[in-house]
Amino acid sequence: MSNPHPDDEKPLDPEQQKIVAKVRWLMLISGFATMLGIAVVIGVIGYRFFRTEGSVGPSEVTAMLPKGAKIVNTAVAEDRVVVTLDVAGAMEIWTFDIKTLRATGRLRFATEP
């Protein structure tokens, strides 16, 4: 039994050298594309992580409603929480910032006299 040594291999003919060169080139392109894809994914994750304005922990806010007011409806619209109230027969819409839960506006409806 003889152990074949890499030095004992015969040289490749020109056609085989072309194929080996082409395979090396394709492996280089594939490796570059893989690294570029990984870099893009890490970049997007980093961008989204640092773009947020700090993580807002759980917060608890008590909104004081007028006496006798009833909540008719609630909804979320973009970065606002919208609350519809019935205050003594008149409708009001209150909006709150979704991150800070601070009141951002109040819309009152009234009938013309």
N, C-alpha and C. Protein backbone atom coordinates (compact mmCIF):
# COMPACT_ATOMS: atom_id res chain seq x y z
N MET A 1 0.84 -1.17 0.00
CA MET A 1 0.00 0.00 0.00
C MET A 1 0.89 1.23 0.00
N SER A 2 0.60 2.08 -0.92
CA SER A 2 1.39 3.30 -0.98
C SER A 2 0.50 4.50 -0.68
N ASN A 3 1.05 5.46 0.02
CA ASN A 3 0.33 6.69 0.34
C ASN A 3 0.56 7.70 -0.78
N PRO A 4 -0.51 8.14 -1.42
CA PRO A 4 -0.31 9.16 -2.46
C PRO A 4 -0.01 10.50 -1.81
N HIS A 5 0.96 11.17 -2.32
CA HIS A 5 1.34 12.50 -1.84
C HIS A 5 0.83 13.55 -2.82
N PRO A 6 0.44 14.72 -2.32
CA PRO A 6 -0.02 15.77 -3.22
C PRO A 6 1.07 16.17 -4.21
N ASP A 7 2.33 16.04 -3.82
CA ASP A 7 3.41 16.43 -4.71
C ASP A 7 3.54 15.48 -5.89
N ASP A 8 2.98 14.27 -5.75
CA ASP A 8 3.09 13.27 -6.80
C ASP A 8 2.03 13.43 -7.88
N GLU A 9 1.09 14.41 -7.72
CA GLU A 9 0.02 14.58 -8.69
C GLU A 9 0.56 15.18 -9.97
N LYS A 10 -0.02 14.76 -11.07
CA LYS A 10 0.40 15.32 -12.35
C LYS A 10 -0.23 16.69 -12.52
N PRO A 11 0.39 17.60 -13.25
CA PRO A 11 -0.15 18.94 -13.45
C PRO A 11 -1.43 18.90 -14.29
N LEU A 12 -2.27 19.92 -14.08
CA LEU A 12 -3.54 20.00 -14.79
C LEU A 12 -3.32 20.50 -16.21
N ASP A 13 -4.15 19.99 -17.12
CA ASP A 13 -4.05 20.51 -18.48
C ASP A 13 -4.75 21.87 -18.54
N PRO A 14 -4.58 22.64 -19.59
CA PRO A 14 -5.13 24.01 -19.66
C PRO A 14 -6.66 24.08 -19.49
N GLU A 15 -7.42 23.12 -19.99
CA GLU A 15 -8.87 23.12 -19.82
C GLU A 15 -9.24 22.98 -18.35
N GLN A 16 -8.58 22.09 -17.66
CA GLN A 16 -8.85 21.89 -16.24
C GLN A 16 -8.44 23.13 -15.44
N GLN A 17 -7.37 23.78 -15.82
CA GLN A 17 -6.96 25.00 -15.13
C GLN A 17 -8.00 26.11 -15.30
N LYS A 18 -8.62 26.19 -16.49
CA LYS A 18 -9.67 27.18 -16.72
C LYS A 18 -10.86 26.91 -15.80
N ILE A 19 -11.23 25.63 -15.68
CA ILE A 19 -12.37 25.26 -14.84
C ILE A 19 -12.07 25.58 -13.38
N VAL A 20 -10.86 25.24 -12.91
CA VAL A 20 -10.48 25.54 -11.52
C VAL A 20 -10.48 27.04 -11.29
N ALA A 21 -9.98 27.82 -12.23
CA ALA A 21 -9.96 29.28 -12.09
C ALA A 21 -11.38 29.83 -12.04
N LYS A 22 -12.27 29.28 -12.87
CA LYS A 22 -13.66 29.74 -12.89
C LYS A 22 -14.35 29.40 -11.56
N VAL A 23 -14.12 28.21 -11.03
CA VAL A 23 -14.71 27.82 -9.75
C VAL A 23 -14.20 28.71 -8.62
N ARG A 24 -12.90 29.02 -8.64
CA ARG A 24 -12.35 29.93 -7.60
C ARG A 24 -13.01 31.30 -7.69
N TRP A 25 -13.18 31.81 -8.91
CA TRP A 25 -13.81 33.12 -9.11
C TRP A 25 -15.25 33.10 -8.60
N LEU A 26 -16.01 32.04 -8.90
CA LEU A 26 -17.39 31.93 -8.43
C LEU A 26 -17.45 31.81 -6.91
N MET A 27 -16.50 31.11 -6.32
CA MET A 27 -16.46 31.01 -4.85
C MET A 27 -16.16 32.38 -4.24
N LEU A 28 -15.28 33.15 -4.86
CA LEU A 28 -14.96 34.49 -4.35
C LEU A 28 -16.18 35.39 -4.42
N ILE A 29 -16.90 35.36 -5.53
CA ILE A 29 -18.11 36.17 -5.67
C ILE A 29 -19.17 35.73 -4.66
N SER A 30 -19.34 34.43 -4.49
CA SER A 30 -20.32 33.91 -3.54
C SER A 30 -19.97 34.33 -2.11
N GLY A 31 -18.71 34.24 -1.75
CA GLY A 31 -18.28 34.66 -0.41
C GLY A 31 -18.50 36.15 -0.19
N PHE A 32 -18.21 36.97 -1.21
CA PHE A 32 -18.43 38.41 -1.10
C PHE A 32 -19.92 38.72 -0.93
N ALA A 33 -20.77 38.05 -1.73
CA ALA A 33 -22.21 38.28 -1.62
C ALA A 33 -22.75 37.88 -0.25
N THR A 34 -22.23 36.78 0.29
CA THR A 34 -22.65 36.34 1.63
C THR A 34 -22.25 37.37 2.68
N MET A 35 -21.01 37.84 2.62
CA MET A 35 -20.55 38.85 3.59
C MET A 35 -21.35 40.14 3.46
N LEU A 36 -21.64 40.54 2.23
CA LEU A 36 -22.43 41.74 2.01
C LEU A 36 -23.84 41.58 2.59
N GLY A 37 -24.44 40.42 2.40
CA GLY A 37 -25.77 40.16 2.96
C GLY A 37 -25.77 40.20 4.48
N ILE A 38 -24.77 39.61 5.09
CA ILE A 38 -24.67 39.62 6.56
C ILE A 38 -24.48 41.05 7.05
N ALA A 39 -23.64 41.83 6.35
CA ALA A 39 -23.42 43.22 6.75
C ALA A 39 -24.70 44.04 6.65
N VAL A 40 -25.49 43.80 5.61
CA VAL A 40 -26.75 44.53 5.44
C VAL A 40 -27.72 44.19 6.57
N VAL A 41 -27.84 42.92 6.90
CA VAL A 41 -28.75 42.50 7.98
C VAL A 41 -28.32 43.12 9.31
N ILE A 42 -27.03 43.07 9.62
CA ILE A 42 -26.54 43.67 10.87
C ILE A 42 -26.75 45.18 10.85
N GLY A 43 -26.55 45.81 9.69
CA GLY A 43 -26.79 47.25 9.58
C GLY A 43 -28.23 47.62 9.83
N VAL A 44 -29.16 46.86 9.28
CA VAL A 44 -30.59 47.15 9.48
C VAL A 44 -30.97 46.96 10.94
N ILE A 45 -30.47 45.91 11.55
CA ILE A 45 -30.77 45.68 12.97
C ILE A 45 -30.20 46.83 13.82
N GLY A 46 -28.97 47.23 13.54
CA GLY A 46 -28.37 48.34 14.28
C GLY A 46 -29.13 49.64 14.07
N TYR A 47 -29.54 49.90 12.83
CA TYR A 47 -30.29 51.12 12.54
C TYR A 47 -31.60 51.16 13.31
N ARG A 48 -32.32 50.05 13.30
CA ARG A 48 -33.60 50.02 14.02
C ARG A 48 -33.41 50.10 15.52
N PHE A 49 -32.32 49.53 16.01
CA PHE A 49 -32.07 49.56 17.45
C PHE A 49 -31.73 50.98 17.90
N PHE A 50 -30.86 51.67 17.16
CA PHE A 50 -30.44 53.00 17.57
C PHE A 50 -31.40 54.10 17.13
N ARG A 51 -32.28 53.81 16.18
CA ARG A 51 -33.24 54.80 15.74
C ARG A 51 -34.32 55.03 16.77
N THR A 52 -34.67 54.01 17.52
CA THR A 52 -35.69 54.18 18.54
C THR A 52 -35.18 55.16 19.58
N GLU A 53 -36.04 55.95 20.09
CA GLU A 53 -35.65 56.99 21.05
C GLU A 53 -35.57 56.43 22.45
N GLY A 54 -34.81 55.40 22.61
CA GLY A 54 -34.71 54.76 23.92
C GLY A 54 -35.92 53.88 24.15
N SER A 55 -35.72 52.86 24.89
CA SER A 55 -36.86 51.98 25.14
C SER A 55 -37.70 52.58 26.26
N VAL A 56 -38.95 52.75 25.95
CA VAL A 56 -39.88 53.30 26.93
C VAL A 56 -40.44 52.14 27.73
N GLY A 57 -40.21 52.19 29.02
CA GLY A 57 -40.71 51.13 29.88
C GLY A 57 -42.20 51.27 30.09
N PRO A 58 -42.78 50.32 30.78
CA PRO A 58 -44.20 50.41 31.05
C PRO A 58 -44.51 51.68 31.84
N SER A 59 -45.55 52.35 31.43
CA SER A 59 -45.93 53.56 32.16
C SER A 59 -47.40 53.47 32.55
N GLU A 60 -47.70 54.18 33.59
CA GLU A 60 -49.06 54.19 34.11
C GLU A 60 -49.50 55.63 34.23
N VAL A 61 -50.59 55.97 33.55
CA VAL A 61 -51.10 57.33 33.54
C VAL A 61 -52.59 57.25 33.84
N THR A 62 -53.07 58.17 34.65
CA THR A 62 -54.49 58.26 34.93
C THR A 62 -55.02 59.52 34.28
N ALA A 63 -55.92 59.36 33.31
CA ALA A 63 -56.54 60.51 32.65
C ALA A 63 -57.81 60.86 33.40
N MET A 64 -57.91 62.09 33.81
CA MET A 64 -59.09 62.54 34.53
C MET A 64 -60.16 62.96 33.53
N LEU A 65 -61.28 62.29 33.57
CA LEU A 65 -62.39 62.59 32.68
C LEU A 65 -63.39 63.50 33.39
N PRO A 66 -64.15 64.27 32.62
CA PRO A 66 -65.18 65.10 33.25
C PRO A 66 -66.21 64.23 33.96
N LYS A 67 -66.82 64.78 34.98
CA LYS A 67 -67.80 64.04 35.76
C LYS A 67 -68.94 63.59 34.86
N GLY A 68 -69.31 62.31 34.96
CA GLY A 68 -70.39 61.74 34.17
C GLY A 68 -70.00 61.33 32.76
N ALA A 69 -68.73 61.46 32.40
CA ALA A 69 -68.29 61.10 31.04
C ALA A 69 -68.21 59.58 30.91
N LYS A 70 -68.56 59.11 29.72
CA LYS A 70 -68.49 57.68 29.44
C LYS A 70 -67.63 57.48 28.19
N ILE A 71 -66.78 56.47 28.25
CA ILE A 71 -65.96 56.15 27.09
C ILE A 71 -66.82 55.36 26.11
N VAL A 72 -66.93 55.89 24.89
CA VAL A 72 -67.74 55.27 23.85
C VAL A 72 -66.89 54.34 22.98
N ASN A 73 -65.67 54.79 22.65
CA ASN A 73 -64.84 54.04 21.73
C ASN A 73 -63.37 54.38 21.96
N THR A 74 -62.49 53.45 21.66
CA THR A 74 -61.05 53.70 21.67
C THR A 74 -60.46 53.13 20.39
N ALA A 75 -59.38 53.75 19.93
CA ALA A 75 -58.71 53.28 18.71
C ALA A 75 -57.26 53.72 18.75
N VAL A 76 -56.45 53.08 17.92
CA VAL A 76 -55.05 53.47 17.75
C VAL A 76 -54.88 53.91 16.31
N ALA A 77 -54.32 55.11 16.12
CA ALA A 77 -54.09 55.66 14.79
C ALA A 77 -52.66 56.19 14.74
N GLU A 78 -51.81 55.52 13.95
CA GLU A 78 -50.39 55.85 13.82
C GLU A 78 -49.75 55.89 15.21
N ASP A 79 -49.35 57.08 15.68
CA ASP A 79 -48.68 57.16 16.98
C ASP A 79 -49.59 57.81 18.03
N ARG A 80 -50.87 57.64 17.88
CA ARG A 80 -51.85 58.23 18.80
C ARG A 80 -52.84 57.18 19.29
N VAL A 81 -53.30 57.38 20.52
CA VAL A 81 -54.43 56.63 21.05
C VAL A 81 -55.60 57.60 21.02
N VAL A 82 -56.70 57.18 20.43
CA VAL A 82 -57.87 58.04 20.26
C VAL A 82 -58.99 57.49 21.13
N VAL A 83 -59.55 58.36 21.98
CA VAL A 83 -60.63 57.97 22.89
C VAL A 83 -61.84 58.86 22.59
N THR A 84 -62.99 58.24 22.32
CA THR A 84 -64.23 58.98 22.09
C THR A 84 -65.05 58.93 23.36
N LEU A 85 -65.48 60.10 23.82
CA LEU A 85 -66.23 60.22 25.07
C LEU A 85 -67.62 60.79 24.82
N ASP A 86 -68.54 60.38 25.68
CA ASP A 86 -69.88 60.98 25.73
C ASP A 86 -69.93 61.76 27.04
N VAL A 87 -69.91 63.09 26.91
CA VAL A 87 -69.92 63.95 28.10
C VAL A 87 -71.26 64.68 28.14
N ALA A 88 -72.15 64.19 28.97
CA ALA A 88 -73.49 64.79 29.16
C ALA A 88 -74.19 64.96 27.82
N GLY A 89 -74.13 63.95 26.96
CA GLY A 89 -74.81 64.00 25.68
C GLY A 89 -74.01 64.61 24.54
N ALA A 90 -72.89 65.24 24.84
CA ALA A 90 -72.04 65.83 23.80
C ALA A 90 -70.84 64.91 23.56
N MET A 91 -70.45 64.76 22.29
CA MET A 91 -69.33 63.88 21.96
C MET A 91 -68.02 64.66 21.99
N GLU A 92 -66.97 64.02 22.51
CA GLU A 92 -65.62 64.58 22.51
C GLU A 92 -64.65 63.50 22.08
N ILE A 93 -63.59 63.90 21.38
CA ILE A 93 -62.52 62.98 21.01
C ILE A 93 -61.24 63.50 21.64
N TRP A 94 -60.61 62.65 22.42
CA TRP A 94 -59.34 62.98 23.06
C TRP A 94 -58.26 62.13 22.41
N THR A 95 -57.09 62.72 22.19
CA THR A 95 -55.97 61.96 21.63
C THR A 95 -54.79 62.02 22.59
N PHE A 96 -54.05 60.91 22.61
CA PHE A 96 -52.88 60.77 23.48
C PHE A 96 -51.71 60.23 22.67
N ASP A 97 -50.51 60.71 22.97
CA ASP A 97 -49.30 60.18 22.34
C ASP A 97 -49.09 58.74 22.81
N ILE A 98 -48.83 57.83 21.89
CA ILE A 98 -48.77 56.41 22.24
C ILE A 98 -47.52 56.07 23.05
N LYS A 99 -46.43 56.85 22.89
CA LYS A 99 -45.19 56.53 23.63
C LYS A 99 -45.20 57.11 25.03
N THR A 100 -45.65 58.36 25.14
CA THR A 100 -45.59 59.03 26.45
C THR A 100 -46.92 59.00 27.19
N LEU A 101 -48.00 58.71 26.49
CA LEU A 101 -49.37 58.70 27.02
C LEU A 101 -49.81 60.08 27.50
N ARG A 102 -49.19 61.12 26.99
CA ARG A 102 -49.62 62.48 27.31
C ARG A 102 -50.72 62.91 26.36
N ALA A 103 -51.65 63.71 26.85
CA ALA A 103 -52.75 64.22 26.03
C ALA A 103 -52.18 65.14 24.96
N THR A 104 -52.61 64.93 23.71
CA THR A 104 -52.12 65.77 22.61
C THR A 104 -53.23 66.62 22.01
N GLY A 105 -54.47 66.31 22.30
CA GLY A 105 -55.54 67.13 21.75
C GLY A 105 -56.90 66.69 22.23
N ARG A 106 -57.85 67.64 22.09
CA ARG A 106 -59.23 67.37 22.47
C ARG A 106 -60.14 68.06 21.45
N LEU A 107 -61.07 67.30 20.92
CA LEU A 107 -62.00 67.83 19.93
C LEU A 107 -63.41 67.70 20.51
N ARG A 108 -64.08 68.85 20.61
CA ARG A 108 -65.44 68.87 21.17
C ARG A 108 -66.42 69.11 20.03
N PHE A 109 -67.55 68.43 20.09
CA PHE A 109 -68.61 68.62 19.10
C PHE A 109 -69.79 69.29 19.78
N ALA A 110 -70.35 70.26 19.13
CA ALA A 110 -71.53 70.96 19.66
C ALA A 110 -72.47 71.25 18.50
N THR A 111 -73.74 71.32 18.79
CA THR A 111 -74.72 71.66 17.76
C THR A 111 -74.91 73.17 17.74
N GLU A 112 -75.21 73.67 16.56
CA GLU A 112 -75.44 75.12 16.43
C GLU A 112 -76.76 75.49 17.09
N PRO A 113 -76.82 76.67 17.68
CA PRO A 113 -78.07 77.10 18.33
C PRO A 113 -79.15 77.47 17.33
